[in-house]
Amino acid sequence: MRYVVPVLIAVLLGLAGCESVLLGPGPENTARSNFDLLWKAFDENYANFPVKPVNWDSLHAFYGSMITAASGEGDLWMVSTSLLANLDDGHVKLYNADYSKGFDASHLFTRKADDFSLDLVRKNYLASVNVAGAGLITYGKIRNTNVGYIHIASFSSTVGNGVDWAYDIDAVLQSLESTDGLVLDVRNNGGGLVVTLQIVASAFIDQSILYFYQRPKSGPKHNDFGNPIPLVVSPRKGAPGYGKKIALLTNRFSASGAEHMTEIFRTLGTVTQIGDTTFGAFGDIISVGQLPNGWTFTYPCRFTTTPDGRCFEGIGIVPDVLIRNSAADISAGVDRVLDYAVAHTP
C-alpha cells in the first residue's frame, strides 16, 4: 500500500519543491528490510534512470551482500549512501531520523564553493549596496560604469514573506532602467520553487516561453512515464521588462531552479551566459520517502528535457563564455567572471 501526503520541503532541501511522501506499509525495522525498501522505492519511482549509466539490479546485489543480521545503523548508513552515490543526483538525499546527519548524492557536494563571494562583490564592485526580496536580492551599479548588477541568492520561499519577495524584482529593475546593460548573477543559487523563479523571470520577458517538458513517472519500470507536461513562463502585466544586454552569471552551484532560470534566459537574444557550467539537477517535483527506521530520503519523480528533447540532468547547462574563478582569485579580491561580464555587457 502507498500513502501519499502533500508536503512542502523546499527550505529543507535548498533545491526545489516537492509533491509527495512515500511511506512504507509497516514492514520490519531491520537493516536488511530498510535497505531493500530504499532500493525498491528508487527502482520503481526514481525518474532519471534513463540518463544514469547504472545497473540498479546489480547494485542491489552488490551492496545488499554487505548487509548482515549483525549490521547496525552505522553499517546501514554506509551501505545506503554508497548505493545512492552511484546516481550522482543533486536531488537525491538521505537524512537520519532526527536530521542530525544528511547525505547528498551528487559528487559536486564534495567540492568547495570557493569560486564566488557575494561579500567580495559587495565590497569591491558595487558603488552602493541595495537589498530587496527579503534579503535574497542584492543589487546596485558596478563602480565607474553604467552597468547594473543583480544577485539572486535563492528561489525558496521565506518565513513571513512566502514567495511575495520575488515581486520586488519589479522595483529593482525600475531602479536600474537607465543602465546600459545588466549583470544577472545566480552563482551559488541552489534553487527553490518554480513559482518564485517564474515570478522573477516574468519581469524580463514580453512573450510566453516554453522552456522544459517534464514526464512524470507512471509505473514501476524505469521507462514508465506519463504524457509530457510543458513548463511555460509568461510575462506579467505591469512588469517593467529589460530590453538591453544581459550577462547571466552561473557556476557549478547554480542548481535546479537557477537552472530553470538559465534555460529561460538562454532563449532571449539579449542574454549571454558567462561563468561555469550549472549543477545539473533539473527535477522540480521531488518525492519524499520514509523508511521504517525513521530515515527520510528524496528523489525526483519527473524526467526533464528541453523542448527539442535534450536532457541536461547530471551534465548542467554549458555557458556561452566559459570562465572560472579560482580560490586564489577570490582571496585576492578579484572576480574574473564579473570583470569579463562588465566589460562585455554594454
C-alpha atoms as a PDB file:
ATOM      1  CA  MET A   1       0.000   0.000   0.000  1.00  0.00           C
ATOM      2  CA  ARG A   2       1.244   3.519  -0.778  1.00  0.00           C
ATOM      3  CA  TYR A   3       0.207   6.600   1.185  1.00  0.00           C
ATOM      4  CA  VAL A   4       0.600   9.993  -0.456  1.00  0.00           C
ATOM      5  CA  VAL A   5       0.633  13.152   1.656  1.00  0.00           C
ATOM      6  CA  PRO A   6       1.396  16.643   0.272  1.00  0.00           C
ATOM      7  CA  VAL A   7       4.466  18.169   1.884  1.00  0.00           C
ATOM      8  CA  LEU A   8       6.471  21.312   1.087  1.00  0.00           C
ATOM      9  CA  ILE A   9      10.185  20.894   1.788  1.00  0.00           C
ATOM     10  CA  ALA A  10      11.832  23.497  -0.423  1.00  0.00           C
ATOM     11  CA  VAL A  11      13.520  25.245   2.513  1.00  0.00           C
ATOM     12  CA  LEU A  12      14.784  21.936   3.887  1.00  0.00           C
ATOM     13  CA  LEU A  13      16.225  20.763   0.588  1.00  0.00           C
ATOM     14  CA  GLY A  14      17.530  24.112  -0.610  1.00  0.00           C
ATOM     15  CA  LEU A  15      16.995  22.990  -4.187  1.00  0.00           C
ATOM     16  CA  ALA A  16      13.403  22.525  -5.262  1.00  0.00           C
ATOM     17  CA  GLY A  17       9.777  21.997  -4.293  1.00  0.00           C
ATOM     18  CA  CYS A  18       8.230  18.582  -3.777  1.00  0.00           C
ATOM     19  CA  GLU A  19       4.982  16.787  -4.235  1.00  0.00           C
ATOM     20  CA  SER A  20       4.524  13.709  -2.064  1.00  0.00           C
ATOM     21  CA  VAL A  21       5.664  11.492   0.759  1.00  0.00           C
ATOM     22  CA  LEU A  22       6.076   7.781   0.156  1.00  0.00           C
ATOM     23  CA  LEU A  23       5.618   5.717   3.303  1.00  0.00           C
ATOM     24  CA  GLY A  24       6.148   2.021   3.816  1.00  0.00           C
ATOM     25  CA  PRO A  25       3.281  -0.240   4.929  1.00  0.00           C
ATOM     26  CA  GLY A  26       4.850  -1.100   8.280  1.00  0.00           C
ATOM     27  CA  PRO A  27       7.498  -3.703   7.376  1.00  0.00           C
ATOM     28  CA  GLU A  28      10.207  -4.971   9.711  1.00  0.00           C
ATOM     29  CA  ASN A  29      12.605  -2.402  11.075  1.00  0.00           C
ATOM     30  CA  THR A  30      15.783  -4.321  10.281  1.00  0.00           C
ATOM     31  CA  ALA A  31      18.857  -3.236   8.385  1.00  0.00           C
ATOM     32  CA  ARG A  32      18.011  -5.599   5.517  1.00  0.00           C
ATOM     33  CA  SER A  33      14.374  -4.522   5.315  1.00  0.00           C
ATOM     34  CA  ASN A  34      15.284  -0.818   5.359  1.00  0.00           C
ATOM     35  CA  PHE A  35      17.898  -1.315   2.656  1.00  0.00           C
ATOM     36  CA  ASP A  36      15.547  -3.297   0.415  1.00  0.00           C
ATOM     37  CA  LEU A  37      12.757  -0.740   0.817  1.00  0.00           C
ATOM     38  CA  LEU A  38      15.128   2.108  -0.057  1.00  0.00           C
ATOM     39  CA  TRP A  39      16.349   0.269  -3.156  1.00  0.00           C
ATOM     40  CA  LYS A  40      12.793  -0.615  -4.241  1.00  0.00           C
ATOM     41  CA  ALA A  41      11.484   2.942  -3.778  1.00  0.00           C
ATOM     42  CA  PHE A  42      14.132   4.189  -6.206  1.00  0.00           C
ATOM     43  CA  ASP A  43      13.708   1.223  -8.537  1.00  0.00           C
ATOM     44  CA  GLU A  44      10.014   1.958  -9.031  1.00  0.00           C
ATOM     45  CA  ASN A  45       9.811   5.726  -8.667  1.00  0.00           C
ATOM     46  CA  TYR A  46      13.120   7.446  -9.494  1.00  0.00           C
ATOM     47  CA  ALA A  47      12.714   9.370 -12.757  1.00  0.00           C
ATOM     48  CA  ASN A  48      16.277   9.775 -14.004  1.00  0.00           C
ATOM     49  CA  PHE A  49      17.302   6.174 -14.698  1.00  0.00           C
ATOM     50  CA  PRO A  50      17.076   6.796 -18.490  1.00  0.00           C
ATOM     51  CA  VAL A  51      20.173   9.025 -18.272  1.00  0.00           C
ATOM     52  CA  LYS A  52      22.031   7.261 -15.462  1.00  0.00           C
ATOM     53  CA  PRO A  53      24.635   4.669 -16.538  1.00  0.00           C
ATOM     54  CA  VAL A  54      23.874   2.243 -13.693  1.00  0.00           C
ATOM     55  CA  ASN A  55      22.615  -1.327 -13.409  1.00  0.00           C
ATOM     56  CA  TRP A  56      20.293  -0.938 -10.448  1.00  0.00           C
ATOM     57  CA  ASP A  57      19.717  -4.684 -10.045  1.00  0.00           C
ATOM     58  CA  SER A  58      23.454  -5.372  -9.908  1.00  0.00           C
ATOM     59  CA  LEU A  59      23.931  -2.569  -7.394  1.00  0.00           C
ATOM     60  CA  HIS A  60      21.223  -4.132  -5.209  1.00  0.00           C
ATOM     61  CA  ALA A  61      23.045  -7.447  -5.236  1.00  0.00           C
ATOM     62  CA  PHE A  62      26.459  -5.873  -4.598  1.00  0.00           C
ATOM     63  CA  TYR A  63      25.512  -3.560  -1.746  1.00  0.00           C
ATOM     64  CA  GLY A  64      22.864  -5.873  -0.328  1.00  0.00           C
ATOM     65  CA  SER A  65      25.535  -8.508   0.226  1.00  0.00           C
ATOM     66  CA  MET A  66      27.148  -6.145   2.723  1.00  0.00           C
ATOM     67  CA  ILE A  67      24.068  -6.193   4.970  1.00  0.00           C
ATOM     68  CA  THR A  68      24.041  -8.971   7.575  1.00  0.00           C
ATOM     69  CA  ALA A  69      21.962  -9.812  10.640  1.00  0.00           C
ATOM     70  CA  ALA A  70      24.629  -8.053  12.711  1.00  0.00           C
ATOM     71  CA  SER A  71      24.548  -4.807  10.698  1.00  0.00           C
ATOM     72  CA  GLY A  72      23.866  -1.756  12.819  1.00  0.00           C
ATOM     73  CA  GLU A  73      22.718   1.754  11.925  1.00  0.00           C
ATOM     74  CA  GLY A  74      26.242   2.870  11.028  1.00  0.00           C
ATOM     75  CA  ASP A  75      26.668  -0.056   8.660  1.00  0.00           C
ATOM     76  CA  LEU A  76      23.298   0.604   7.037  1.00  0.00           C
ATOM     77  CA  TRP A  77      24.145   4.289   6.581  1.00  0.00           C
ATOM     78  CA  MET A  78      27.448   3.487   4.878  1.00  0.00           C
ATOM     79  CA  VAL A  79      25.884   0.928   2.538  1.00  0.00           C
ATOM     80  CA  SER A  80      22.816   3.066   1.725  1.00  0.00           C
ATOM     81  CA  THR A  81      24.804   6.203   0.942  1.00  0.00           C
ATOM     82  CA  SER A  82      27.246   4.166  -1.165  1.00  0.00           C
ATOM     83  CA  LEU A  83      24.292   2.822  -3.160  1.00  0.00           C
ATOM     84  CA  LEU A  84      22.752   6.250  -3.733  1.00  0.00           C
ATOM     85  CA  ALA A  85      26.092   7.850  -4.647  1.00  0.00           C
ATOM     86  CA  ASN A  86      26.000   5.854  -7.894  1.00  0.00           C
ATOM     87  CA  LEU A  87      23.102   8.057  -9.049  1.00  0.00           C
ATOM     88  CA  ASP A  88      25.179  11.235  -8.711  1.00  0.00           C
ATOM     89  CA  ASP A  89      21.961  13.277  -8.436  1.00  0.00           C
ATOM     90  CA  GLY A  90      21.660  16.560  -6.552  1.00  0.00           C
ATOM     91  CA  HIS A  91      18.016  15.887  -5.691  1.00  0.00           C
ATOM     92  CA  VAL A  92      18.778  12.512  -4.105  1.00  0.00           C
ATOM     93  CA  LYS A  93      19.272  12.925  -0.366  1.00  0.00           C
ATOM     94  CA  LEU A  94      19.168  10.805   2.769  1.00  0.00           C
ATOM     95  CA  TYR A  95      18.618  12.014   6.342  1.00  0.00           C
ATOM     96  CA  ASN A  96      18.683  10.103   9.596  1.00  0.00           C
ATOM     97  CA  ALA A  97      15.677  10.128  11.922  1.00  0.00           C
ATOM     98  CA  ASP A  98      16.459  13.392  13.746  1.00  0.00           C
ATOM     99  CA  TYR A  99      18.051  15.110  10.708  1.00  0.00           C
ATOM    100  CA  SER A 100      21.359  15.392  12.547  1.00  0.00           C
ATOM    101  CA  LYS A 101      23.051  13.645   9.643  1.00  0.00           C
ATOM    102  CA  GLY A 102      22.460  14.122   5.934  1.00  0.00           C
ATOM    103  CA  PHE A 103      23.833  12.823   2.650  1.00  0.00           C
ATOM    104  CA  ASP A 104      23.712  14.402  -0.820  1.00  0.00           C
ATOM    105  CA  ALA A 105      24.242  12.025  -3.730  1.00  0.00           C
ATOM    106  CA  SER A 106      25.891  14.498  -6.114  1.00  0.00           C
ATOM    107  CA  HIS A 107      29.682  14.433  -6.214  1.00  0.00           C
ATOM    108  CA  LEU A 108      29.596  18.225  -6.502  1.00  0.00           C
ATOM    109  CA  PHE A 109      28.634  18.498  -2.842  1.00  0.00           C
ATOM    110  CA  THR A 110      32.171  17.364  -2.004  1.00  0.00           C
ATOM    111  CA  ARG A 111      33.582  20.369  -3.871  1.00  0.00           C
ATOM    112  CA  LYS A 112      34.276  23.616  -2.041  1.00  0.00           C
ATOM    113  CA  ALA A 113      32.163  26.597  -3.113  1.00  0.00           C
ATOM    114  CA  ASP A 114      35.198  28.854  -3.305  1.00  0.00           C
ATOM    115  CA  ASP A 115      34.855  30.416  -6.768  1.00  0.00           C
ATOM    116  CA  PHE A 116      32.334  33.098  -5.808  1.00  0.00           C
ATOM    117  CA  SER A 117      31.903  35.528  -2.931  1.00  0.00           C
ATOM    118  CA  LEU A 118      28.934  37.881  -2.684  1.00  0.00           C
ATOM    119  CA  ASP A 119      30.779  39.752   0.059  1.00  0.00           C
ATOM    120  CA  LEU A 120      33.597  40.396  -2.406  1.00  0.00           C
ATOM    121  CA  VAL A 121      31.138  41.771  -4.966  1.00  0.00           C
ATOM    122  CA  ARG A 122      29.545  43.996  -2.349  1.00  0.00           C
ATOM    123  CA  LYS A 123      32.898  45.312  -1.134  1.00  0.00           C
ATOM    124  CA  ASN A 124      34.924  45.626  -4.336  1.00  0.00           C
ATOM    125  CA  TYR A 125      32.443  46.057  -7.180  1.00  0.00           C
ATOM    126  CA  LEU A 126      29.201  47.798  -6.211  1.00  0.00           C
ATOM    127  CA  ALA A 127      29.005  51.580  -5.994  1.00  0.00           C
ATOM    128  CA  SER A 128      26.231  51.163  -3.438  1.00  0.00           C
ATOM    129  CA  VAL A 129      24.742  48.007  -1.950  1.00  0.00           C
ATOM    130  CA  ASN A 130      20.973  47.647  -2.001  1.00  0.00           C
ATOM    131  CA  VAL A 131      18.947  44.713  -0.716  1.00  0.00           C
ATOM    132  CA  ALA A 132      15.409  43.594  -1.588  1.00  0.00           C
ATOM    133  CA  GLY A 133      13.366  40.426  -1.734  1.00  0.00           C
ATOM    134  CA  ALA A 134      13.544  39.579   1.983  1.00  0.00           C
ATOM    135  CA  GLY A 135      17.325  39.765   1.735  1.00  0.00           C
ATOM    136  CA  LEU A 136      17.626  37.393  -1.229  1.00  0.00           C
ATOM    137  CA  ILE A 137      18.246  40.105  -3.850  1.00  0.00           C
ATOM    138  CA  THR A 138      21.398  42.229  -3.787  1.00  0.00           C
ATOM    139  CA  TYR A 139      21.640  44.945  -6.421  1.00  0.00           C
ATOM    140  CA  GLY A 140      23.238  48.207  -7.486  1.00  0.00           C
ATOM    141  CA  LYS A 141      25.527  49.632 -10.143  1.00  0.00           C
ATOM    142  CA  ILE A 142      29.055  48.453 -10.843  1.00  0.00           C
ATOM    143  CA  ARG A 143      31.561  51.137  -9.812  1.00  0.00           C
ATOM    144  CA  ASN A 144      32.654  53.561 -12.514  1.00  0.00           C
ATOM    145  CA  THR A 145      30.226  52.099 -15.056  1.00  0.00           C
ATOM    146  CA  ASN A 146      26.606  52.367 -16.054  1.00  0.00           C
ATOM    147  CA  VAL A 147      26.114  48.601 -15.744  1.00  0.00           C
ATOM    148  CA  GLY A 148      23.526  47.277 -13.319  1.00  0.00           C
ATOM    149  CA  TYR A 149      24.054  44.245 -11.113  1.00  0.00           C
ATOM    150  CA  ILE A 150      21.524  41.883  -9.517  1.00  0.00           C
ATOM    151  CA  HIS A 151      22.384  38.791  -7.477  1.00  0.00           C
ATOM    152  CA  ILE A 152      19.600  36.388  -6.504  1.00  0.00           C
ATOM    153  CA  ALA A 153      20.682  34.057  -3.702  1.00  0.00           C
ATOM    154  CA  SER A 154      17.777  31.597  -3.804  1.00  0.00           C
ATOM    155  CA  PHE A 155      14.308  30.973  -5.213  1.00  0.00           C
ATOM    156  CA  SER A 156      12.998  29.496  -1.962  1.00  0.00           C
ATOM    157  CA  SER A 157      10.058  30.822  -0.012  1.00  0.00           C
ATOM    158  CA  THR A 158      10.866  32.876   3.076  1.00  0.00           C
ATOM    159  CA  VAL A 159       9.413  32.885   6.569  1.00  0.00           C
ATOM    160  CA  GLY A 160       6.708  35.519   6.785  1.00  0.00           C
ATOM    161  CA  ASN A 161       7.042  36.518   3.128  1.00  0.00           C
ATOM    162  CA  GLY A 162       6.359  33.288   1.273  1.00  0.00           C
ATOM    163  CA  VAL A 163       7.052  33.864  -2.430  1.00  0.00           C
ATOM    164  CA  ASP A 164       5.936  37.509  -2.438  1.00  0.00           C
ATOM    165  CA  TRP A 165       9.537  38.647  -2.091  1.00  0.00           C
ATOM    166  CA  ALA A 166      10.062  37.741  -5.754  1.00  0.00           C
ATOM    167  CA  TYR A 167       7.827  40.619  -6.893  1.00  0.00           C
ATOM    168  CA  ASP A 168      10.484  43.015  -5.567  1.00  0.00           C
ATOM    169  CA  ILE A 169      12.329  42.329  -8.822  1.00  0.00           C
ATOM    170  CA  ASP A 170       9.985  44.853 -10.479  1.00  0.00           C
ATOM    171  CA  ALA A 171      11.184  47.741  -8.315  1.00  0.00           C
ATOM    172  CA  VAL A 172      14.780  46.574  -8.678  1.00  0.00           C
ATOM    173  CA  LEU A 173      14.553  46.633 -12.471  1.00  0.00           C
ATOM    174  CA  GLN A 174      12.861  50.026 -12.417  1.00  0.00           C
ATOM    175  CA  SER A 175      15.744  51.410 -10.357  1.00  0.00           C
ATOM    176  CA  LEU A 176      18.188  50.102 -12.980  1.00  0.00           C
ATOM    177  CA  GLU A 177      16.215  51.010 -16.105  1.00  0.00           C
ATOM    178  CA  SER A 178      18.677  53.773 -17.095  1.00  0.00           C
ATOM    179  CA  THR A 179      21.658  51.424 -17.128  1.00  0.00           C
ATOM    180  CA  ASP A 180      23.382  50.456 -20.372  1.00  0.00           C
ATOM    181  CA  GLY A 181      23.378  46.756 -19.529  1.00  0.00           C
ATOM    182  CA  LEU A 182      22.742  44.350 -16.703  1.00  0.00           C
ATOM    183  CA  VAL A 183      24.592  41.538 -14.941  1.00  0.00           C
ATOM    184  CA  LEU A 184      22.159  38.992 -13.501  1.00  0.00           C
ATOM    185  CA  ASP A 185      24.036  36.692 -11.124  1.00  0.00           C
ATOM    186  CA  VAL A 186      22.698  33.301  -9.972  1.00  0.00           C
ATOM    187  CA  ARG A 187      26.011  31.848  -8.850  1.00  0.00           C
ATOM    188  CA  ASN A 188      25.625  29.720  -5.708  1.00  0.00           C
ATOM    189  CA  ASN A 189      21.835  29.865  -6.128  1.00  0.00           C
ATOM    190  CA  GLY A 190      20.684  26.366  -5.154  1.00  0.00           C
ATOM    191  CA  GLY A 191      17.150  26.781  -6.498  1.00  0.00           C
ATOM    192  CA  GLY A 192      13.826  26.841  -4.704  1.00  0.00           C
ATOM    193  CA  LEU A 193      10.296  26.992  -6.052  1.00  0.00           C
ATOM    194  CA  VAL A 194       9.211  27.074  -9.677  1.00  0.00           C
ATOM    195  CA  VAL A 195       6.578  29.707  -8.921  1.00  0.00           C
ATOM    196  CA  THR A 196       9.245  32.016  -7.469  1.00  0.00           C
ATOM    197  CA  LEU A 197      11.701  31.762 -10.349  1.00  0.00           C
ATOM    198  CA  GLN A 198       8.829  32.269 -12.793  1.00  0.00           C
ATOM    199  CA  ILE A 199       7.761  35.449 -10.989  1.00  0.00           C
ATOM    200  CA  VAL A 200      11.300  36.772 -11.371  1.00  0.00           C
ATOM    201  CA  ALA A 201      11.678  35.628 -14.982  1.00  0.00           C
ATOM    202  CA  SER A 202       8.297  37.054 -15.969  1.00  0.00           C
ATOM    203  CA  ALA A 203       9.572  40.555 -15.188  1.00  0.00           C
ATOM    204  CA  PHE A 204      12.098  40.323 -18.036  1.00  0.00           C
ATOM    205  CA  ILE A 205      10.084  38.828 -20.919  1.00  0.00           C
ATOM    206  CA  ASP A 206       7.491  40.113 -23.371  1.00  0.00           C
ATOM    207  CA  GLN A 207       6.123  36.783 -24.611  1.00  0.00           C
ATOM    208  CA  SER A 208       5.422  33.310 -23.215  1.00  0.00           C
ATOM    209  CA  ILE A 209       8.349  30.876 -23.256  1.00  0.00           C
ATOM    210  CA  LEU A 210       8.116  27.082 -23.250  1.00  0.00           C
ATOM    211  CA  TYR A 211      11.408  26.044 -21.698  1.00  0.00           C
ATOM    212  CA  PHE A 212      11.064  22.438 -20.459  1.00  0.00           C
ATOM    213  CA  TYR A 213       8.918  19.348 -20.752  1.00  0.00           C
ATOM    214  CA  GLN A 214       8.593  17.035 -17.765  1.00  0.00           C
ATOM    215  CA  ARG A 215       7.344  13.451 -17.911  1.00  0.00           C
ATOM    216  CA  PRO A 216       6.011  12.106 -14.585  1.00  0.00           C
ATOM    217  CA  LYS A 217       6.629   8.542 -13.508  1.00  0.00           C
ATOM    218  CA  SER A 218       3.556   6.432 -14.279  1.00  0.00           C
ATOM    219  CA  GLY A 219       4.638   2.898 -13.384  1.00  0.00           C
ATOM    220  CA  PRO A 220       7.335   0.780 -11.693  1.00  0.00           C
ATOM    221  CA  LYS A 221       9.549   0.192 -14.736  1.00  0.00           C
ATOM    222  CA  HIS A 222      12.436   2.565 -15.369  1.00  0.00           C
ATOM    223  CA  ASN A 223      10.894   3.841 -18.614  1.00  0.00           C
ATOM    224  CA  ASP A 224       7.284   4.103 -17.408  1.00  0.00           C
ATOM    225  CA  PHE A 225       6.333   7.748 -17.918  1.00  0.00           C
ATOM    226  CA  GLY A 226       3.136   9.686 -18.487  1.00  0.00           C
ATOM    227  CA  ASN A 227       2.489  12.385 -21.058  1.00  0.00           C
ATOM    228  CA  PRO A 228       4.897  15.349 -21.170  1.00  0.00           C
ATOM    229  CA  ILE A 229       3.922  18.348 -19.042  1.00  0.00           C
ATOM    230  CA  PRO A 230       5.028  21.686 -20.541  1.00  0.00           C
ATOM    231  CA  LEU A 231       6.702  24.251 -18.291  1.00  0.00           C
ATOM    232  CA  VAL A 232       5.843  27.732 -19.534  1.00  0.00           C
ATOM    233  CA  VAL A 233       6.642  31.174 -18.162  1.00  0.00           C
ATOM    234  CA  SER A 234       4.555  34.148 -19.283  1.00  0.00           C
ATOM    235  CA  PRO A 235       5.029  37.902 -18.961  1.00  0.00           C
ATOM    236  CA  ARG A 236       3.252  39.632 -16.096  1.00  0.00           C
ATOM    237  CA  LYS A 237       1.031  42.613 -16.760  1.00  0.00           C
ATOM    238  CA  GLY A 238       2.722  45.731 -15.475  1.00  0.00           C
ATOM    239  CA  ALA A 239       6.160  44.133 -15.063  1.00  0.00           C
ATOM    240  CA  PRO A 240       8.915  46.533 -16.212  1.00  0.00           C
ATOM    241  CA  GLY A 241      10.889  44.314 -18.595  1.00  0.00           C
ATOM    242  CA  TYR A 242      14.504  44.907 -19.571  1.00  0.00           C
ATOM    243  CA  GLY A 243      15.366  45.052 -23.257  1.00  0.00           C
ATOM    244  CA  LYS A 244      19.073  45.817 -23.057  1.00  0.00           C
ATOM    245  CA  LYS A 245      22.001  43.428 -22.983  1.00  0.00           C
ATOM    246  CA  ILE A 246      22.127  40.990 -20.053  1.00  0.00           C
ATOM    247  CA  ALA A 247      25.021  38.855 -18.818  1.00  0.00           C
ATOM    248  CA  LEU A 248      23.767  35.835 -16.856  1.00  0.00           C
ATOM    249  CA  LEU A 249      26.426  34.516 -14.471  1.00  0.00           C
ATOM    250  CA  THR A 250      26.382  30.849 -13.428  1.00  0.00           C
ATOM    251  CA  ASN A 251      28.668  28.401 -11.672  1.00  0.00           C
ATOM    252  CA  ARG A 252      28.611  24.745 -10.630  1.00  0.00           C
ATOM    253  CA  PHE A 253      26.426  25.640  -7.649  1.00  0.00           C
ATOM    254  CA  SER A 254      23.715  27.241  -9.786  1.00  0.00           C
ATOM    255  CA  ALA A 255      21.224  24.412  -9.347  1.00  0.00           C
ATOM    256  CA  SER A 256      17.667  23.317 -10.005  1.00  0.00           C
ATOM    257  CA  GLY A 257      15.531  26.482 -10.028  1.00  0.00           C
ATOM    258  CA  ALA A 258      18.562  28.534 -11.047  1.00  0.00           C
ATOM    259  CA  GLU A 259      18.969  26.161 -13.987  1.00  0.00           C
ATOM    260  CA  HIS A 260      15.316  26.618 -14.945  1.00  0.00           C
ATOM    261  CA  MET A 261      16.009  30.358 -14.908  1.00  0.00           C
ATOM    262  CA  THR A 262      19.121  29.821 -17.028  1.00  0.00           C
ATOM    263  CA  GLU A 263      17.215  27.845 -19.643  1.00  0.00           C
ATOM    264  CA  ILE A 264      14.513  30.536 -19.804  1.00  0.00           C
ATOM    265  CA  PHE A 265      17.059  33.317 -20.296  1.00  0.00           C
ATOM    266  CA  ARG A 266      19.007  31.374 -22.910  1.00  0.00           C
ATOM    267  CA  THR A 267      16.006  31.736 -25.221  1.00  0.00           C
ATOM    268  CA  LEU A 268      16.327  35.545 -25.101  1.00  0.00           C
ATOM    269  CA  GLY A 269      18.502  37.084 -27.786  1.00  0.00           C
ATOM    270  CA  THR A 270      19.804  39.745 -25.406  1.00  0.00           C
ATOM    271  CA  VAL A 271      21.341  37.311 -22.891  1.00  0.00           C
ATOM    272  CA  THR A 272      24.827  35.765 -22.760  1.00  0.00           C
ATOM    273  CA  GLN A 273      25.553  33.080 -20.149  1.00  0.00           C
ATOM    274  CA  ILE A 274      29.001  33.578 -18.625  1.00  0.00           C
ATOM    275  CA  GLY A 275      30.903  31.604 -15.980  1.00  0.00           C
ATOM    276  CA  ASP A 276      30.875  27.875 -15.330  1.00  0.00           C
ATOM    277  CA  THR A 277      28.524  25.036 -16.259  1.00  0.00           C
ATOM    278  CA  THR A 278      25.496  24.761 -13.983  1.00  0.00           C
ATOM    279  CA  PHE A 279      24.951  21.989 -11.433  1.00  0.00           C
ATOM    280  CA  GLY A 280      22.832  19.543 -13.470  1.00  0.00           C
ATOM    281  CA  ALA A 281      19.765  18.869 -11.266  1.00  0.00           C
ATOM    282  CA  PHE A 282      16.535  19.827 -13.015  1.00  0.00           C
ATOM    283  CA  GLY A 283      13.714  17.992 -11.262  1.00  0.00           C
ATOM    284  CA  ASP A 284      11.353  20.498  -9.686  1.00  0.00           C
ATOM    285  CA  ILE A 285       8.992  17.862  -8.279  1.00  0.00           C
ATOM    286  CA  ILE A 286      10.674  15.905  -5.505  1.00  0.00           C
ATOM    287  CA  SER A 287       9.170  12.917  -3.715  1.00  0.00           C
ATOM    288  CA  VAL A 288       9.937  12.306  -0.059  1.00  0.00           C
ATOM    289  CA  GLY A 289      10.025   8.815   1.428  1.00  0.00           C
ATOM    290  CA  GLN A 290      10.428   7.495   4.955  1.00  0.00           C
ATOM    291  CA  LEU A 291      11.879   4.153   5.989  1.00  0.00           C
ATOM    292  CA  PRO A 292      10.687   2.100   8.999  1.00  0.00           C
ATOM    293  CA  ASN A 293      13.713   3.298  10.995  1.00  0.00           C
ATOM    294  CA  GLY A 294      12.625   6.938  10.538  1.00  0.00           C
ATOM    295  CA  TRP A 295      15.194   7.860   7.899  1.00  0.00           C
ATOM    296  CA  THR A 296      13.948  10.196   5.167  1.00  0.00           C
ATOM    297  CA  PHE A 297      15.032  10.176   1.538  1.00  0.00           C
ATOM    298  CA  THR A 298      14.237  12.293  -1.509  1.00  0.00           C
ATOM    299  CA  TYR A 299      14.288  11.748  -5.266  1.00  0.00           C
ATOM    300  CA  PRO A 300      12.960  13.407  -8.455  1.00  0.00           C
ATOM    301  CA  CYS A 301       9.830  11.811  -9.899  1.00  0.00           C
ATOM    302  CA  ARG A 302       9.725  13.684 -13.238  1.00  0.00           C
ATOM    303  CA  PHE A 303      12.104  13.380 -16.182  1.00  0.00           C
ATOM    304  CA  THR A 304      13.029  16.822 -17.537  1.00  0.00           C
ATOM    305  CA  THR A 305      14.026  17.671 -21.110  1.00  0.00           C
ATOM    306  CA  THR A 306      14.265  20.759 -23.279  1.00  0.00           C
ATOM    307  CA  PRO A 307      11.537  21.219 -25.940  1.00  0.00           C
ATOM    308  CA  ASP A 308      13.836  19.592 -28.511  1.00  0.00           C
ATOM    309  CA  GLY A 309      14.333  16.524 -26.308  1.00  0.00           C
ATOM    310  CA  ARG A 310      17.736  17.148 -24.720  1.00  0.00           C
ATOM    311  CA  CYS A 311      18.308  16.219 -21.074  1.00  0.00           C
ATOM    312  CA  PHE A 312      20.955  18.082 -19.084  1.00  0.00           C
ATOM    313  CA  GLU A 313      20.479  16.028 -15.912  1.00  0.00           C
ATOM    314  CA  GLY A 314      23.869  15.284 -14.381  1.00  0.00           C
ATOM    315  CA  ILE A 315      25.525  17.476 -17.015  1.00  0.00           C
ATOM    316  CA  GLY A 316      24.368  21.035 -16.478  1.00  0.00           C
ATOM    317  CA  ILE A 317      24.000  23.917 -18.912  1.00  0.00           C
ATOM    318  CA  VAL A 318      27.283  24.910 -20.531  1.00  0.00           C
ATOM    319  CA  PRO A 319      27.782  28.704 -20.695  1.00  0.00           C
ATOM    320  CA  ASP A 320      28.346  30.689 -23.865  1.00  0.00           C
ATOM    321  CA  VAL A 321      31.577  32.002 -22.358  1.00  0.00           C
ATOM    322  CA  LEU A 322      33.403  29.610 -20.014  1.00  0.00           C
ATOM    323  CA  ILE A 323      35.358  31.405 -17.282  1.00  0.00           C
ATOM    324  CA  ARG A 324      36.147  30.022 -13.829  1.00  0.00           C
ATOM    325  CA  ASN A 325      37.348  31.927 -10.824  1.00  0.00           C
ATOM    326  CA  SER A 326      39.960  30.188  -8.699  1.00  0.00           C
ATOM    327  CA  ALA A 327      40.057  30.277  -4.926  1.00  0.00           C
ATOM    328  CA  ALA A 328      43.192  32.394  -5.302  1.00  0.00           C
ATOM    329  CA  ASP A 329      41.265  34.933  -7.409  1.00  0.00           C
ATOM    330  CA  ILE A 330      38.635  35.302  -4.710  1.00  0.00           C
ATOM    331  CA  SER A 331      41.254  35.542  -1.952  1.00  0.00           C
ATOM    332  CA  ALA A 332      42.932  38.322  -3.945  1.00  0.00           C
ATOM    333  CA  GLY A 333      39.647  40.226  -4.181  1.00  0.00           C
ATOM    334  CA  VAL A 334      39.164  39.567  -7.902  1.00  0.00           C
ATOM    335  CA  ASP A 335      36.078  38.173  -9.643  1.00  0.00           C
ATOM    336  CA  ARG A 336      37.280  37.448 -13.188  1.00  0.00           C
ATOM    337  CA  VAL A 337      33.844  36.246 -14.260  1.00  0.00           C
ATOM    338  CA  LEU A 338      32.227  39.517 -13.224  1.00  0.00           C
ATOM    339  CA  ASP A 339      35.090  41.543 -14.751  1.00  0.00           C
ATOM    340  CA  TYR A 340      34.501  39.885 -18.121  1.00  0.00           C
ATOM    341  CA  ALA A 341      30.728  40.341 -17.889  1.00  0.00           C
ATOM    342  CA  VAL A 342      31.014  44.055 -17.098  1.00  0.00           C
ATOM    343  CA  ALA A 343      33.478  44.613 -19.949  1.00  0.00           C
ATOM    344  CA  HIS A 344      31.246  42.889 -22.499  1.00  0.00           C
ATOM    345  CA  THR A 345      27.721  43.807 -21.354  1.00  0.00           C
ATOM    346  CA  PRO A 346      27.148  47.440 -22.510  1.00  0.00           C
END
